[in-house]
Amino acid sequence: MEKLFVNIYMFSEINIFIEKEAHKRSAEIDAEILLNKKRIETDALYYQISKQAEANKLLYSEKYLRSLLYKSIGNNTTIIFGEKIPSVFMGGLPGLTRLSPLNAAAGGAQGATTGQRECSL
């Protein structure tokens, strides 16, 4: 009888050990699945962002941005008066030349030739 009790006890201990190992392996598999899902999501996000960056490079060329800038300036309905105001607004446009406000008001050949200058900050 005692031998039977020892065998049952050992069988019980073996079952507990097997269940713990199965639970541990199940947790490892779940963690691996979660890691793979996160990796796939990250790869998809990276792919999406890289494709968006490539599209932006093609879309937002300097010529297109300059066109947008001129359209937005043209759509502005605010009229501003003053001598220094044009240099504030037009100073940030690279490569833009304009007539000086004083020479433009005077007109004539002098305003068209000597009055032009490069706008910069």
N, C-alpha and C. Protein backbone atom coordinates (compact mmCIF):
# COMPACT_ATOMS: atom_id res chain seq x y z
N MET A 1 0.81 -1.18 0.00
CA MET A 1 0.00 0.00 0.00
C MET A 1 0.86 1.26 0.00
N GLU A 2 1.91 1.21 0.78
CA GLU A 2 2.81 2.34 0.87
C GLU A 2 3.49 2.59 -0.47
N LYS A 3 3.81 1.53 -1.17
CA LYS A 3 4.43 1.65 -2.48
C LYS A 3 3.47 2.30 -3.48
N LEU A 4 2.23 1.97 -3.39
CA LEU A 4 1.22 2.57 -4.25
C LEU A 4 1.07 4.05 -3.95
N PHE A 5 1.11 4.43 -2.67
CA PHE A 5 1.02 5.83 -2.27
C PHE A 5 2.20 6.61 -2.82
N VAL A 6 3.42 6.05 -2.77
CA VAL A 6 4.62 6.71 -3.29
C VAL A 6 4.50 6.88 -4.80
N ASN A 7 4.02 5.87 -5.50
CA ASN A 7 3.86 5.97 -6.94
C ASN A 7 2.84 7.04 -7.32
N ILE A 8 1.75 7.12 -6.58
CA ILE A 8 0.73 8.14 -6.85
C ILE A 8 1.30 9.53 -6.59
N TYR A 9 2.08 9.67 -5.50
CA TYR A 9 2.69 10.95 -5.16
C TYR A 9 3.66 11.37 -6.26
N MET A 10 4.50 10.44 -6.73
CA MET A 10 5.46 10.74 -7.79
C MET A 10 4.73 11.08 -9.09
N PHE A 11 3.66 10.36 -9.37
CA PHE A 11 2.87 10.63 -10.56
C PHE A 11 2.28 12.04 -10.48
N SER A 12 1.83 12.41 -9.32
CA SER A 12 1.27 13.74 -9.10
C SER A 12 2.35 14.81 -9.28
N GLU A 13 3.53 14.59 -8.75
CA GLU A 13 4.64 15.54 -8.90
C GLU A 13 5.06 15.67 -10.37
N ILE A 14 5.09 14.56 -11.06
CA ILE A 14 5.45 14.58 -12.48
C ILE A 14 4.40 15.37 -13.28
N ASN A 15 3.13 15.17 -12.96
CA ASN A 15 2.07 15.92 -13.64
C ASN A 15 2.18 17.41 -13.38
N ILE A 16 2.49 17.79 -12.15
CA ILE A 16 2.65 19.21 -11.81
C ILE A 16 3.82 19.80 -12.60
N PHE A 17 4.93 19.05 -12.67
CA PHE A 17 6.10 19.52 -13.42
C PHE A 17 5.77 19.68 -14.90
N ILE A 18 5.08 18.72 -15.47
CA ILE A 18 4.71 18.77 -16.89
C ILE A 18 3.78 19.95 -17.15
N GLU A 19 2.83 20.18 -16.25
CA GLU A 19 1.91 21.31 -16.41
C GLU A 19 2.66 22.65 -16.34
N LYS A 20 3.63 22.75 -15.43
CA LYS A 20 4.42 23.98 -15.33
C LYS A 20 5.24 24.22 -16.59
N GLU A 21 5.84 23.15 -17.08
CA GLU A 21 6.63 23.27 -18.32
C GLU A 21 5.74 23.65 -19.50
N ALA A 22 4.55 23.07 -19.57
CA ALA A 22 3.62 23.38 -20.66
C ALA A 22 3.17 24.84 -20.56
N HIS A 23 2.90 25.29 -19.34
CA HIS A 23 2.49 26.67 -19.14
C HIS A 23 3.64 27.62 -19.53
N LYS A 24 4.87 27.29 -19.14
CA LYS A 24 6.02 28.11 -19.48
C LYS A 24 6.22 28.17 -21.00
N ARG A 25 6.10 27.03 -21.66
CA ARG A 25 6.25 26.99 -23.12
C ARG A 25 5.12 27.78 -23.81
N SER A 26 3.91 27.66 -23.27
CA SER A 26 2.79 28.42 -23.81
C SER A 26 3.03 29.93 -23.69
N ALA A 27 3.57 30.37 -22.56
CA ALA A 27 3.87 31.79 -22.35
C ALA A 27 4.96 32.25 -23.31
N GLU A 28 5.97 31.39 -23.55
CA GLU A 28 7.03 31.74 -24.50
C GLU A 28 6.46 31.88 -25.92
N ILE A 29 5.58 30.97 -26.29
CA ILE A 29 4.97 31.03 -27.62
C ILE A 29 4.12 32.30 -27.75
N ASP A 30 3.35 32.63 -26.72
CA ASP A 30 2.53 33.86 -26.75
C ASP A 30 3.41 35.10 -26.88
N ALA A 31 4.53 35.12 -26.14
CA ALA A 31 5.44 36.26 -26.22
C ALA A 31 6.06 36.36 -27.61
N GLU A 32 6.39 35.23 -28.20
CA GLU A 32 6.96 35.21 -29.55
C GLU A 32 5.96 35.70 -30.59
N ILE A 33 4.71 35.29 -30.44
CA ILE A 33 3.66 35.74 -31.35
C ILE A 33 3.46 37.25 -31.23
N LEU A 34 3.42 37.76 -30.00
CA LEU A 34 3.27 39.19 -29.78
C LEU A 34 4.45 39.97 -30.37
N LEU A 35 5.65 39.44 -30.19
CA LEU A 35 6.84 40.09 -30.75
C LEU A 35 6.77 40.13 -32.27
N ASN A 36 6.35 39.06 -32.88
CA ASN A 36 6.24 39.02 -34.34
C ASN A 36 5.17 39.99 -34.84
N LYS A 37 4.05 40.10 -34.12
CA LYS A 37 3.01 41.06 -34.51
C LYS A 37 3.54 42.48 -34.45
N LYS A 38 4.25 42.81 -33.37
CA LYS A 38 4.81 44.16 -33.22
C LYS A 38 5.84 44.43 -34.31
N ARG A 39 6.65 43.43 -34.64
CA ARG A 39 7.65 43.60 -35.68
C ARG A 39 6.98 43.86 -37.03
N ILE A 40 5.92 43.13 -37.32
CA ILE A 40 5.19 43.32 -38.58
C ILE A 40 4.56 44.72 -38.63
N GLU A 41 3.96 45.16 -37.52
CA GLU A 41 3.37 46.50 -37.48
C GLU A 41 4.44 47.57 -37.68
N THR A 42 5.59 47.39 -37.05
CA THR A 42 6.68 48.35 -37.18
C THR A 42 7.21 48.40 -38.60
N ASP A 43 7.37 47.24 -39.22
CA ASP A 43 7.83 47.20 -40.61
C ASP A 43 6.83 47.87 -41.54
N ALA A 44 5.55 47.63 -41.30
CA ALA A 44 4.52 48.26 -42.14
C ALA A 44 4.54 49.77 -41.97
N LEU A 45 4.68 50.24 -40.74
CA LEU A 45 4.74 51.68 -40.48
C LEU A 45 5.97 52.30 -41.13
N TYR A 46 7.11 51.62 -41.03
CA TYR A 46 8.34 52.11 -41.67
C TYR A 46 8.15 52.21 -43.18
N TYR A 47 7.57 51.20 -43.77
CA TYR A 47 7.33 51.19 -45.21
C TYR A 47 6.42 52.33 -45.61
N GLN A 48 5.35 52.55 -44.83
CA GLN A 48 4.40 53.62 -45.13
C GLN A 48 5.09 54.98 -45.04
N ILE A 49 5.88 55.19 -44.00
CA ILE A 49 6.54 56.48 -43.82
C ILE A 49 7.59 56.71 -44.91
N SER A 50 8.33 55.67 -45.27
CA SER A 50 9.35 55.85 -46.31
C SER A 50 8.70 56.15 -47.67
N LYS A 51 7.59 55.49 -47.97
CA LYS A 51 6.89 55.77 -49.24
C LYS A 51 6.30 57.18 -49.23
N GLN A 52 5.80 57.62 -48.08
CA GLN A 52 5.26 58.97 -47.97
C GLN A 52 6.37 60.00 -48.14
N ALA A 53 7.54 59.72 -47.60
CA ALA A 53 8.68 60.64 -47.75
C ALA A 53 9.10 60.72 -49.22
N GLU A 54 9.13 59.60 -49.91
CA GLU A 54 9.47 59.61 -51.34
C GLU A 54 8.44 60.42 -52.14
N ALA A 55 7.17 60.23 -51.82
CA ALA A 55 6.12 60.97 -52.51
C ALA A 55 6.23 62.47 -52.23
N ASN A 56 6.55 62.82 -51.00
CA ASN A 56 6.70 64.23 -50.65
C ASN A 56 7.87 64.87 -51.39
N LYS A 57 8.96 64.10 -51.58
CA LYS A 57 10.10 64.63 -52.33
C LYS A 57 9.69 64.95 -53.76
N LEU A 58 8.88 64.08 -54.34
CA LEU A 58 8.44 64.31 -55.72
C LEU A 58 7.40 65.42 -55.79
N LEU A 59 6.49 65.44 -54.82
CA LEU A 59 5.41 66.41 -54.86
C LEU A 59 5.88 67.81 -54.51
N TYR A 60 6.63 67.93 -53.44
CA TYR A 60 7.00 69.25 -52.94
C TYR A 60 8.36 69.68 -53.48
N SER A 61 8.46 69.77 -54.78
CA SER A 61 9.68 70.28 -55.41
C SER A 61 9.75 71.78 -55.17
N GLU A 62 10.92 72.34 -55.43
CA GLU A 62 11.07 73.78 -55.20
C GLU A 62 10.16 74.59 -56.12
N LYS A 63 9.99 74.12 -57.35
CA LYS A 63 9.12 74.82 -58.30
C LYS A 63 7.67 74.82 -57.81
N TYR A 64 7.21 73.69 -57.29
CA TYR A 64 5.84 73.59 -56.79
C TYR A 64 5.65 74.46 -55.55
N LEU A 65 6.62 74.44 -54.64
CA LEU A 65 6.50 75.26 -53.43
C LEU A 65 6.52 76.75 -53.76
N ARG A 66 7.35 77.13 -54.73
CA ARG A 66 7.37 78.54 -55.14
C ARG A 66 6.02 78.94 -55.74
N SER A 67 5.44 78.03 -56.53
CA SER A 67 4.12 78.28 -57.12
C SER A 67 3.06 78.46 -56.03
N LEU A 68 3.09 77.59 -55.02
CA LEU A 68 2.16 77.73 -53.90
C LEU A 68 2.35 79.05 -53.16
N LEU A 69 3.60 79.45 -53.00
CA LEU A 69 3.90 80.70 -52.32
C LEU A 69 3.31 81.88 -53.08
N TYR A 70 3.52 81.91 -54.39
CA TYR A 70 3.00 83.02 -55.18
C TYR A 70 1.47 83.02 -55.21
N LYS A 71 0.86 81.83 -55.25
CA LYS A 71 -0.61 81.76 -55.21
C LYS A 71 -1.14 82.29 -53.89
N SER A 72 -0.48 81.91 -52.80
CA SER A 72 -0.97 82.36 -51.49
C SER A 72 -0.77 83.86 -51.32
N ILE A 73 0.33 84.40 -51.85
CA ILE A 73 0.54 85.85 -51.80
C ILE A 73 -0.50 86.55 -52.67
N GLY A 74 -0.81 85.96 -53.83
CA GLY A 74 -1.81 86.55 -54.72
C GLY A 74 -3.20 86.51 -54.14
N ASN A 75 -3.51 85.51 -53.33
CA ASN A 75 -4.84 85.39 -52.72
C ASN A 75 -5.00 86.28 -51.49
N ASN A 76 -3.92 86.86 -51.03
CA ASN A 76 -3.99 87.71 -49.86
C ASN A 76 -4.70 89.01 -50.23
N THR A 77 -5.77 89.33 -49.55
CA THR A 77 -6.54 90.53 -49.87
C THR A 77 -6.19 91.71 -48.98
N THR A 78 -5.23 91.55 -48.09
CA THR A 78 -4.85 92.64 -47.21
C THR A 78 -3.91 93.59 -47.94
N ILE A 79 -4.16 94.87 -47.84
CA ILE A 79 -3.29 95.87 -48.45
C ILE A 79 -2.54 96.55 -47.32
N ILE A 80 -1.22 96.54 -47.46
CA ILE A 80 -0.36 97.11 -46.42
C ILE A 80 0.40 98.28 -47.02
N PHE A 81 0.43 99.42 -46.32
CA PHE A 81 1.13 100.61 -46.78
C PHE A 81 2.31 100.88 -45.87
N GLY A 82 3.38 101.36 -46.45
CA GLY A 82 4.56 101.74 -45.68
C GLY A 82 5.82 101.47 -46.47
N GLU A 83 6.92 102.10 -46.06
CA GLU A 83 8.16 101.96 -46.80
C GLU A 83 8.88 100.65 -46.49
N LYS A 84 8.89 100.22 -45.26
CA LYS A 84 9.69 99.06 -44.86
C LYS A 84 8.90 97.75 -44.87
N ILE A 85 7.62 97.81 -45.02
CA ILE A 85 6.79 96.61 -44.97
C ILE A 85 7.11 95.62 -46.09
N PRO A 86 7.30 96.03 -47.34
CA PRO A 86 7.61 95.04 -48.38
C PRO A 86 8.88 94.24 -48.08
N SER A 87 9.88 94.88 -47.49
CA SER A 87 11.11 94.14 -47.19
C SER A 87 10.87 93.10 -46.10
N VAL A 88 9.93 93.33 -45.23
CA VAL A 88 9.61 92.36 -44.19
C VAL A 88 8.96 91.13 -44.81
N PHE A 89 8.00 91.34 -45.70
CA PHE A 89 7.26 90.22 -46.28
C PHE A 89 8.03 89.55 -47.43
N MET A 90 8.70 90.33 -48.24
CA MET A 90 9.37 89.79 -49.42
C MET A 90 10.80 89.40 -49.12
N GLY A 91 11.31 89.73 -47.96
CA GLY A 91 12.70 89.43 -47.63
C GLY A 91 12.99 87.95 -47.50
N GLY A 92 12.01 87.14 -47.19
CA GLY A 92 12.24 85.73 -47.01
C GLY A 92 12.18 84.91 -48.28
N LEU A 93 11.95 85.54 -49.42
CA LEU A 93 11.84 84.81 -50.68
C LEU A 93 13.20 84.75 -51.35
N PRO A 94 13.82 83.57 -51.45
CA PRO A 94 15.15 83.49 -52.06
C PRO A 94 15.09 83.75 -53.56
N GLY A 95 16.02 84.55 -54.04
CA GLY A 95 16.12 84.81 -55.46
C GLY A 95 15.09 85.78 -56.01
N LEU A 96 14.35 86.44 -55.18
CA LEU A 96 13.30 87.35 -55.65
C LEU A 96 13.87 88.75 -55.75
N THR A 97 13.64 89.39 -56.88
CA THR A 97 14.04 90.78 -57.04
C THR A 97 12.78 91.62 -57.15
N ARG A 98 12.82 92.80 -56.65
CA ARG A 98 11.66 93.68 -56.72
C ARG A 98 12.15 95.12 -56.82
N LEU A 99 11.23 95.98 -57.15
CA LEU A 99 11.55 97.40 -57.21
C LEU A 99 11.53 97.98 -55.80
N SER A 100 12.43 98.87 -55.53
CA SER A 100 12.42 99.57 -54.27
C SER A 100 11.13 100.38 -54.19
N PRO A 101 10.51 100.50 -53.02
CA PRO A 101 9.24 101.23 -52.92
C PRO A 101 9.37 102.69 -53.38
N LEU A 102 10.48 103.34 -53.11
CA LEU A 102 10.64 104.74 -53.51
C LEU A 102 10.83 104.86 -55.01
N ASN A 103 11.66 104.02 -55.59
CA ASN A 103 11.90 104.07 -57.03
C ASN A 103 10.69 103.58 -57.82
N ALA A 104 9.97 102.62 -57.29
CA ALA A 104 8.79 102.11 -57.98
C ALA A 104 7.72 103.19 -58.05
N ALA A 105 7.62 104.00 -57.00
CA ALA A 105 6.65 105.08 -56.99
C ALA A 105 7.04 106.17 -58.00
N ALA A 106 8.36 106.39 -58.14
CA ALA A 106 8.83 107.40 -59.08
C ALA A 106 8.67 106.92 -60.52
N GLY A 107 8.80 105.60 -60.76
CA GLY A 107 8.64 105.03 -62.10
C GLY A 107 9.81 105.40 -62.99
N GLY A 108 9.62 105.23 -64.32
CA GLY A 108 10.64 105.63 -65.27
C GLY A 108 11.76 104.62 -65.38
N ALA A 109 12.75 104.95 -66.18
CA ALA A 109 13.87 104.06 -66.46
C ALA A 109 14.75 103.88 -65.24
N GLN A 110 14.87 104.93 -64.44
CA GLN A 110 15.72 104.82 -63.28
C GLN A 110 15.17 103.78 -62.30
N GLY A 111 13.86 103.74 -62.12
CA GLY A 111 13.26 102.76 -61.22
C GLY A 111 13.41 101.34 -61.71
N ALA A 112 13.43 101.16 -63.02
CA ALA A 112 13.52 99.81 -63.58
C ALA A 112 14.94 99.29 -63.55
N THR A 113 15.95 100.18 -63.63
CA THR A 113 17.32 99.67 -63.71
C THR A 113 18.03 99.72 -62.37
N THR A 114 18.15 100.90 -61.78
CA THR A 114 18.91 101.01 -60.55
C THR A 114 18.09 100.66 -59.33
N GLY A 115 16.78 100.65 -59.46
CA GLY A 115 15.93 100.40 -58.32
C GLY A 115 15.80 98.93 -57.95
N GLN A 116 16.23 98.03 -58.85
CA GLN A 116 16.11 96.60 -58.55
C GLN A 116 17.21 96.19 -57.59
N ARG A 117 16.87 95.35 -56.64
CA ARG A 117 17.86 94.81 -55.72
C ARG A 117 17.41 93.44 -55.24
N GLU A 118 18.32 92.67 -54.74
CA GLU A 118 18.04 91.33 -54.25
C GLU A 118 17.40 91.44 -52.86
N CYS A 119 16.29 90.75 -52.65
CA CYS A 119 15.64 90.75 -51.34
C CYS A 119 16.24 89.66 -50.49
N SER A 120 16.66 89.98 -49.30
CA SER A 120 17.13 88.97 -48.35
C SER A 120 17.01 89.54 -46.96
N LEU A 121 17.07 88.64 -46.00
CA LEU A 121 16.95 89.09 -44.61
C LEU A 121 18.26 89.60 -44.09
